PDB file of all heavy atoms in Angstrom:
ATOM      1  N   ASP A   1      66.809  74.983  74.369  1.00  0.00           N
ATOM      2  CA  ASP A   1      66.179  74.439  73.323  1.00  0.00           C
ATOM      3  C   ASP A   1      65.042  73.711  73.833  1.00  0.00           C
ATOM      4  O   ASP A   1      65.150  72.599  74.316  1.00  0.00           O
ATOM      5  CB  ASP A   1      67.105  73.556  72.475  1.00  0.00           C
ATOM      6  CG  ASP A   1      66.437  73.083  71.160  1.00  0.00           C
ATOM      7  OD1 ASP A   1      65.177  72.875  71.063  1.00  0.00           O
ATOM      8  OD2 ASP A   1      67.164  72.725  70.296  1.00  0.00           O
ATOM      9  N   ASN A   2      63.797  74.277  73.753  1.00  0.00           N
ATOM     10  CA  ASN A   2      62.642  73.705  74.416  1.00  0.00           C
ATOM     11  C   ASN A   2      62.262  72.349  73.687  1.00  0.00           C
ATOM     12  O   ASN A   2      61.805  71.440  74.355  1.00  0.00           O
ATOM     13  CB  ASN A   2      61.348  74.621  74.398  1.00  0.00           C
ATOM     14  CG  ASN A   2      61.655  75.761  75.338  1.00  0.00           C
ATOM     15  OD1 ASN A   2      62.272  75.666  76.410  1.00  0.00           O
ATOM     16  ND2 ASN A   2      61.120  76.982  74.939  1.00  0.00           N
ATOM     17  N   ALA A   3      62.511  72.238  72.457  1.00  0.00           N
ATOM     18  CA  ALA A   3      62.156  71.059  71.671  1.00  0.00           C
ATOM     19  C   ALA A   3      63.022  69.885  72.100  1.00  0.00           C
ATOM     20  O   ALA A   3      62.572  68.703  72.146  1.00  0.00           O
ATOM     21  CB  ALA A   3      62.271  71.265  70.180  1.00  0.00           C
ATOM     22  N   LYS A   4      64.196  70.191  72.524  1.00  0.00           N
ATOM     23  CA  LYS A   4      65.165  69.120  73.025  1.00  0.00           C
ATOM     24  C   LYS A   4      65.349  69.085  74.517  1.00  0.00           C
ATOM     25  O   LYS A   4      65.994  68.238  75.073  1.00  0.00           O
ATOM     26  CB  LYS A   4      66.564  69.408  72.524  1.00  0.00           C
ATOM     27  CG  LYS A   4      66.646  69.268  70.987  1.00  0.00           C
ATOM     28  CD  LYS A   4      68.134  69.404  70.536  1.00  0.00           C
ATOM     29  CE  LYS A   4      68.278  69.434  68.970  1.00  0.00           C
ATOM     30  NZ  LYS A   4      69.641  69.597  68.559  1.00  0.00           N
ATOM     31  N   ASN A   5      64.482  69.948  75.271  1.00  0.00           N
ATOM     32  CA  ASN A   5      64.519  69.983  76.620  1.00  0.00           C
ATOM     33  C   ASN A   5      65.968  70.152  77.300  1.00  0.00           C
ATOM     34  O   ASN A   5      66.366  69.467  78.125  1.00  0.00           O
ATOM     35  CB  ASN A   5      63.881  68.690  77.263  1.00  0.00           C
ATOM     36  CG  ASN A   5      62.435  68.533  76.875  1.00  0.00           C
ATOM     37  OD1 ASN A   5      61.747  69.598  76.985  1.00  0.00           O
ATOM     38  ND2 ASN A   5      62.005  67.368  76.699  1.00  0.00           N
ATOM     39  N   THR A   6      66.656  70.946  76.565  1.00  0.00           N
ATOM     40  CA  THR A   6      68.095  71.067  76.876  1.00  0.00           C
ATOM     41  C   THR A   6      68.445  72.538  77.037  1.00  0.00           C
ATOM     42  O   THR A   6      67.950  73.423  76.454  1.00  0.00           O
ATOM     43  CB  THR A   6      69.004  70.525  75.671  1.00  0.00           C
ATOM     44  OG1 THR A   6      68.656  69.117  75.533  1.00  0.00           O
ATOM     45  CG2 THR A   6      70.460  70.570  75.989  1.00  0.00           C
ATOM     46  N   VAL A   7      69.322  72.875  78.089  1.00  0.00           N
ATOM     47  CA  VAL A   7      69.873  74.106  78.358  1.00  0.00           C
ATOM     48  C   VAL A   7      71.307  74.190  78.137  1.00  0.00           C
ATOM     49  O   VAL A   7      71.941  73.067  78.368  1.00  0.00           O
ATOM     50  CB  VAL A   7      69.557  74.656  79.784  1.00  0.00           C
ATOM     51  CG1 VAL A   7      70.179  75.847  80.140  1.00  0.00           C
ATOM     52  CG2 VAL A   7      68.141  74.675  79.955  1.00  0.00           C
ATOM     53  N   TYR A   8      71.831  75.194  77.567  1.00  0.00           N
ATOM     54  CA  TYR A   8      73.207  75.286  77.187  1.00  0.00           C
ATOM     55  C   TYR A   8      73.914  76.412  77.951  1.00  0.00           C
ATOM     56  O   TYR A   8      73.253  77.366  78.349  1.00  0.00           O
ATOM     57  CB  TYR A   8      73.431  75.497  75.699  1.00  0.00           C
ATOM     58  CG  TYR A   8      72.760  74.459  74.756  1.00  0.00           C
ATOM     59  CD1 TYR A   8      71.525  74.697  74.195  1.00  0.00           C
ATOM     60  CD2 TYR A   8      73.482  73.271  74.496  1.00  0.00           C
ATOM     61  CE1 TYR A   8      70.897  73.722  73.547  1.00  0.00           C
ATOM     62  CE2 TYR A   8      72.849  72.280  73.811  1.00  0.00           C
ATOM     63  CZ  TYR A   8      71.402  72.484  73.224  1.00  0.00           C
ATOM     64  OH  TYR A   8      70.908  71.555  72.576  1.00  0.00           O
ATOM     65  N   LEU A   9      75.223  76.301  78.174  1.00  0.00           N
ATOM     66  CA  LEU A   9      76.118  77.367  78.678  1.00  0.00           C
ATOM     67  C   LEU A   9      77.205  77.513  77.833  1.00  0.00           C
ATOM     68  O   LEU A   9      78.106  76.578  77.830  1.00  0.00           O
ATOM     69  CB  LEU A   9      76.445  77.120  80.176  1.00  0.00           C
ATOM     70  CG  LEU A   9      77.254  78.340  80.696  1.00  0.00           C
ATOM     71  CD1 LEU A   9      76.278  79.588  80.959  1.00  0.00           C
ATOM     72  CD2 LEU A   9      77.750  77.906  82.022  1.00  0.00           C
ATOM     73  N   GLN A  10      77.200  78.563  77.038  1.00  0.00           N
ATOM     74  CA  GLN A  10      78.367  78.858  76.121  1.00  0.00           C
ATOM     75  C   GLN A  10      79.295  79.703  76.906  1.00  0.00           C
ATOM     76  O   GLN A  10      78.900  80.831  77.369  1.00  0.00           O
ATOM     77  CB  GLN A  10      77.961  79.594  74.898  1.00  0.00           C
ATOM     78  CG  GLN A  10      79.087  79.934  73.927  1.00  0.00           C
ATOM     79  CD  GLN A  10      79.870  78.729  73.361  1.00  0.00           C
ATOM     80  OE1 GLN A  10      79.218  77.796  72.898  1.00  0.00           O
ATOM     81  NE2 GLN A  10      81.112  78.801  73.280  1.00  0.00           N
ATOM     82  N   MET A  11      80.601  79.214  77.100  1.00  0.00           N
ATOM     83  CA  MET A  11      81.577  79.986  77.905  1.00  0.00           C
ATOM     84  C   MET A  11      82.653  80.321  77.028  1.00  0.00           C
ATOM     85  O   MET A  11      83.447  79.347  76.353  1.00  0.00           O
ATOM     86  CB  MET A  11      82.099  79.022  79.101  1.00  0.00           C
ATOM     87  CG  MET A  11      80.923  78.475  79.934  1.00  0.00           C
ATOM     88  SD  MET A  11      81.551  77.509  81.353  1.00  0.00           S
ATOM     89  CE  MET A  11      82.311  76.117  80.416  1.00  0.00           C
ATOM     90  N   ASN A  12      83.018  81.557  76.863  1.00  0.00           N
ATOM     91  CA  ASN A  12      84.123  82.184  76.042  1.00  0.00           C
ATOM     92  C   ASN A  12      85.012  82.885  76.888  1.00  0.00           C
ATOM     93  O   ASN A  12      84.661  83.263  78.090  1.00  0.00           O
ATOM     94  CB  ASN A  12      83.560  83.085  75.032  1.00  0.00           C
ATOM     95  CG  ASN A  12      82.573  82.371  74.020  1.00  0.00           C
ATOM     96  OD1 ASN A  12      82.697  81.148  73.709  1.00  0.00           O
ATOM     97  ND2 ASN A  12      81.547  83.080  73.474  1.00  0.00           N
ATOM     98  N   SER A  13      86.184  83.144  76.396  1.00  0.00           N
ATOM     99  CA  SER A  13      87.243  83.844  77.200  1.00  0.00           C
ATOM    100  C   SER A  13      87.456  83.366  78.518  1.00  0.00           C
ATOM    101  O   SER A  13      87.444  84.127  79.530  1.00  0.00           O
ATOM    102  CB  SER A  13      86.879  85.402  77.153  1.00  0.00           C
ATOM    103  OG  SER A  13      86.694  85.883  75.797  1.00  0.00           O
ATOM    104  N   LEU A  14      87.563  82.046  78.644  1.00  0.00           N
ATOM    105  CA  LEU A  14      87.616  81.357  79.942  1.00  0.00           C
ATOM    106  C   LEU A  14      88.923  81.863  80.648  1.00  0.00           C
ATOM    107  O   LEU A  14      89.930  81.983  80.091  1.00  0.00           O
ATOM    108  CB  LEU A  14      87.642  79.910  79.779  1.00  0.00           C
ATOM    109  CG  LEU A  14      86.232  79.294  79.585  1.00  0.00           C
ATOM    110  CD1 LEU A  14      86.181  77.865  78.916  1.00  0.00           C
ATOM    111  CD2 LEU A  14      85.413  79.282  80.874  1.00  0.00           C
ATOM    112  N   LYS A  15      88.740  81.961  81.952  1.00  0.00           N
ATOM    113  CA  LYS A  15      89.910  82.297  82.825  1.00  0.00           C
ATOM    114  C   LYS A  15      90.267  81.197  83.906  1.00  0.00           C
ATOM    115  O   LYS A  15      89.209  80.326  84.115  1.00  0.00           O
ATOM    116  CB  LYS A  15      89.493  83.586  83.550  1.00  0.00           C
ATOM    117  CG  LYS A  15      89.078  84.715  82.846  1.00  0.00           C
ATOM    118  CD  LYS A  15      88.586  85.878  83.728  1.00  0.00           C
ATOM    119  CE  LYS A  15      88.140  87.108  82.877  1.00  0.00           C
ATOM    120  NZ  LYS A  15      87.721  88.135  83.657  1.00  0.00           N
ATOM    121  N   PRO A  16      91.350  81.149  84.416  1.00  0.00           N
ATOM    122  CA  PRO A  16      91.633  80.113  85.370  1.00  0.00           C
ATOM    123  C   PRO A  16      90.694  80.202  86.616  1.00  0.00           C
ATOM    124  O   PRO A  16      90.361  78.992  87.109  1.00  0.00           O
ATOM    125  CB  PRO A  16      93.034  80.418  85.911  1.00  0.00           C
ATOM    126  CG  PRO A  16      93.687  81.018  84.706  1.00  0.00           C
ATOM    127  CD  PRO A  16      92.514  81.823  83.999  1.00  0.00           C
ATOM    128  N   GLU A  17      90.186  81.255  87.031  1.00  0.00           N
ATOM    129  CA  GLU A  17      89.162  81.398  87.990  1.00  0.00           C
ATOM    130  C   GLU A  17      87.848  80.869  87.743  1.00  0.00           C
ATOM    131  O   GLU A  17      87.014  80.711  88.629  1.00  0.00           O
ATOM    132  CB  GLU A  17      89.161  82.782  88.621  1.00  0.00           C
ATOM    133  CG  GLU A  17      88.817  83.820  87.514  1.00  0.00           C
ATOM    134  CD  GLU A  17      90.155  84.564  86.968  1.00  0.00           C
ATOM    135  OE1 GLU A  17      91.153  83.838  86.838  1.00  0.00           O
ATOM    136  OE2 GLU A  17      90.095  85.724  86.846  1.00  0.00           O
ATOM    137  N   ASP A  18      87.523  80.472  86.544  1.00  0.00           N
ATOM    138  CA  ASP A  18      86.387  79.782  86.126  1.00  0.00           C
ATOM    139  C   ASP A  18      86.405  78.193  86.408  1.00  0.00           C
ATOM    140  O   ASP A  18      85.431  77.547  86.301  1.00  0.00           O
ATOM    141  CB  ASP A  18      86.055  79.932  84.601  1.00  0.00           C
ATOM    142  CG  ASP A  18      85.822  81.375  84.207  1.00  0.00           C
ATOM    143  OD1 ASP A  18      85.176  82.104  85.059  1.00  0.00           O
ATOM    144  OD2 ASP A  18      86.283  81.766  83.260  1.00  0.00           O
ATOM    145  N   THR A  19      87.683  77.761  86.833  1.00  0.00           N
ATOM    146  CA  THR A  19      87.853  76.358  87.035  1.00  0.00           C
ATOM    147  C   THR A  19      86.771  76.035  88.202  1.00  0.00           C
ATOM    148  O   THR A  19      86.874  76.587  89.273  1.00  0.00           O
ATOM    149  CB  THR A  19      89.283  76.042  87.520  1.00  0.00           C
ATOM    150  OG1 THR A  19      90.076  76.269  86.413  1.00  0.00           O
ATOM    151  CG2 THR A  19      89.324  74.650  87.923  1.00  0.00           C
ATOM    152  N   ALA A  20      85.960  74.997  88.080  1.00  0.00           N
ATOM    153  CA  ALA A  20      85.022  74.462  89.048  1.00  0.00           C
ATOM    154  C   ALA A  20      84.327  73.296  88.533  1.00  0.00           C
ATOM    155  O   ALA A  20      84.403  72.995  87.373  1.00  0.00           O
ATOM    156  CB  ALA A  20      84.060  75.695  89.382  1.00  0.00           C
ATOM    157  N   VAL A  21      83.482  72.675  89.356  1.00  0.00           N
ATOM    158  CA  VAL A  21      82.563  71.750  88.915  1.00  0.00           C
ATOM    159  C   VAL A  21      81.204  72.619  88.570  1.00  0.00           C
ATOM    160  O   VAL A  21      80.797  73.301  89.506  1.00  0.00           O
ATOM    161  CB  VAL A  21      82.160  70.701  90.022  1.00  0.00           C
ATOM    162  CG1 VAL A  21      81.022  69.713  89.501  1.00  0.00           C
ATOM    163  CG2 VAL A  21      83.479  69.906  90.295  1.00  0.00           C
ATOM    164  N   TYR A  22      80.654  72.358  87.499  1.00  0.00           N
ATOM    165  CA  TYR A  22      79.552  73.112  87.022  1.00  0.00           C
ATOM    166  C   TYR A  22      78.331  72.184  87.112  1.00  0.00           C
ATOM    167  O   TYR A  22      78.280  71.053  86.657  1.00  0.00           O
ATOM    168  CB  TYR A  22      79.624  73.645  85.562  1.00  0.00           C
ATOM    169  CG  TYR A  22      80.529  74.906  85.535  1.00  0.00           C
ATOM    170  CD1 TYR A  22      81.935  74.683  85.706  1.00  0.00           C
ATOM    171  CD2 TYR A  22      80.034  76.080  85.202  1.00  0.00           C
ATOM    172  CE1 TYR A  22      82.779  75.746  85.693  1.00  0.00           C
ATOM    173  CE2 TYR A  22      80.847  77.166  85.058  1.00  0.00           C
ATOM    174  CZ  TYR A  22      82.191  76.984  85.396  1.00  0.00           C
ATOM    175  OH  TYR A  22      83.046  78.141  85.329  1.00  0.00           O
ATOM    176  N   TYR A  23      77.189  72.705  87.777  1.00  0.00           N
ATOM    177  CA  TYR A  23      76.080  72.004  87.908  1.00  0.00           C
ATOM    178  C   TYR A  23      74.819  72.573  87.234  1.00  0.00           C
ATOM    179  O   TYR A  23      74.685  73.743  87.311  1.00  0.00           O
ATOM    180  CB  TYR A  23      75.783  71.871  89.504  1.00  0.00           C
ATOM    181  CG  TYR A  23      76.689  71.110  90.314  1.00  0.00           C
ATOM    182  CD1 TYR A  23      77.748  71.887  90.914  1.00  0.00           C
ATOM    183  CD2 TYR A  23      76.573  69.687  90.669  1.00  0.00           C
ATOM    184  CE1 TYR A  23      78.607  71.158  91.746  1.00  0.00           C
ATOM    185  CE2 TYR A  23      77.499  69.059  91.376  1.00  0.00           C
ATOM    186  CZ  TYR A  23      78.568  69.866  91.880  1.00  0.00           C
ATOM    187  OH  TYR A  23      79.543  69.179  92.719  1.00  0.00           O
ATOM    188  N   CYS A  24      74.080  71.767  86.721  1.00  0.00           N
ATOM    189  CA  CYS A  24      72.729  72.158  86.090  1.00  0.00           C
ATOM    190  C   CYS A  24      71.735  72.027  87.188  1.00  0.00           C
ATOM    191  O   CYS A  24      71.776  71.101  87.951  1.00  0.00           O
ATOM    192  CB  CYS A  24      72.430  71.363  84.884  1.00  0.00           C
ATOM    193  SG  CYS A  24      70.805  71.697  84.127  1.00  0.00           S
ATOM    194  N   ALA A  25      70.768  73.071  87.293  1.00  0.00           N
ATOM    195  CA  ALA A  25      69.686  72.997  88.104  1.00  0.00           C
ATOM    196  C   ALA A  25      68.388  73.363  87.469  1.00  0.00           C
ATOM    197  O   ALA A  25      68.349  74.196  86.552  1.00  0.00           O
ATOM    198  CB  ALA A  25      69.922  73.967  89.415  1.00  0.00           C
ATOM    199  N   ALA A  26      67.289  72.760  87.948  1.00  0.00           N
ATOM    200  CA  ALA A  26      65.940  73.028  87.475  1.00  0.00           C
ATOM    201  C   ALA A  26      65.013  73.282  88.674  1.00  0.00           C
ATOM    202  O   ALA A  26      64.930  72.486  89.593  1.00  0.00           O
ATOM    203  CB  ALA A  26      65.482  71.950  86.582  1.00  0.00           C
ATOM    204  N   ALA A  27      64.202  74.332  88.591  1.00  0.00           N
ATOM    205  CA  ALA A  27      63.306  74.652  89.611  1.00  0.00           C
ATOM    206  C   ALA A  27      61.802  74.429  89.187  1.00  0.00           C
ATOM    207  O   ALA A  27      61.394  74.967  88.133  1.00  0.00           O
ATOM    208  CB  ALA A  27      63.430  76.119  90.095  1.00  0.00           C
ATOM    209  N   ARG A  28      61.214  73.583  89.965  1.00  0.00           N
ATOM    210  CA  ARG A  28      59.752  73.433  89.774  1.00  0.00           C
ATOM    211  C   ARG A  28      59.137  73.362  91.122  1.00  0.00           C
ATOM    212  O   ARG A  28      59.328  72.403  91.840  1.00  0.00           O
ATOM    213  CB  ARG A  28      59.430  72.091  89.030  1.00  0.00           C
ATOM    214  CG  ARG A  28      58.054  71.929  88.531  1.00  0.00           C
ATOM    215  CD  ARG A  28      57.745  70.537  87.944  1.00  0.00           C
ATOM    216  NE  ARG A  28      57.686  69.683  89.096  1.00  0.00           N
ATOM    217  CZ  ARG A  28      57.758  68.259  88.815  1.00  0.00           C
ATOM    218  NH1 ARG A  28      57.783  67.860  87.565  1.00  0.00           N
ATOM    219  NH2 ARG A  28      57.747  67.479  89.701  1.00  0.00           N
ATOM    220  N   HIS A  29      58.484  74.454  91.450  1.00  0.00           N
ATOM    221  CA  HIS A  29      58.035  74.743  92.726  1.00  0.00           C
ATOM    222  C   HIS A  29      57.281  73.474  93.411  1.00  0.00           C
ATOM    223  O   HIS A  29      56.428  72.928  92.720  1.00  0.00           O
ATOM    224  CB  HIS A  29      57.036  76.003  92.797  1.00  0.00           C
ATOM    225  CG  HIS A  29      56.669  76.367  94.133  1.00  0.00           C
ATOM    226  ND1 HIS A  29      57.388  77.022  95.013  1.00  0.00           N
ATOM    227  CD2 HIS A  29      55.530  75.997  94.858  1.00  0.00           C
ATOM    228  CE1 HIS A  29      56.771  77.117  96.207  1.00  0.00           C
ATOM    229  NE2 HIS A  29      55.612  76.613  96.065  1.00  0.00           N
ATOM    230  N   PRO A  30      57.629  73.147  94.547  1.00  0.00           N
ATOM    231  CA  PRO A  30      58.645  73.764  95.555  1.00  0.00           C
ATOM    232  C   PRO A  30      60.056  73.068  95.480  1.00  0.00           C
ATOM    233  O   PRO A  30      60.692  73.260  96.369  1.00  0.00           O
ATOM    234  CB  PRO A  30      58.003  73.567  96.823  1.00  0.00           C
ATOM    235  CG  PRO A  30      57.360  72.149  96.674  1.00  0.00           C
ATOM    236  CD  PRO A  30      56.880  72.086  95.220  1.00  0.00           C
ATOM    237  N   ASN A  31      60.332  72.337  94.445  1.00  0.00           N
ATOM    238  CA  ASN A  31      61.561  71.564  94.456  1.00  0.00           C
ATOM    239  C   ASN A  31      62.629  72.137  93.512  1.00  0.00           C
ATOM    240  O   ASN A  31      62.333  72.725  92.554  1.00  0.00           O
ATOM    241  CB  ASN A  31      61.326  70.050  94.017  1.00  0.00           C
ATOM    242  CG  ASN A  31      60.281  69.330  94.927  1.00  0.00           C
ATOM    243  OD1 ASN A  31      60.447  69.327  95.994  1.00  0.00           O
ATOM    244  ND2 ASN A  31      59.256  68.838  94.312  1.00  0.00           N
TER     245      ASN A  31
END
C-alpha cells in the first residue's frame, strides 16, 4: 500500500515448517 508505505504478507495454509522469525527488508541502492 504505497499510500501507507506498508508491505503485507498474507500467509494461508500455514505449515509447521513455516515456523521462523520473519524479517522485512527494503532495498535502496546500495543499501
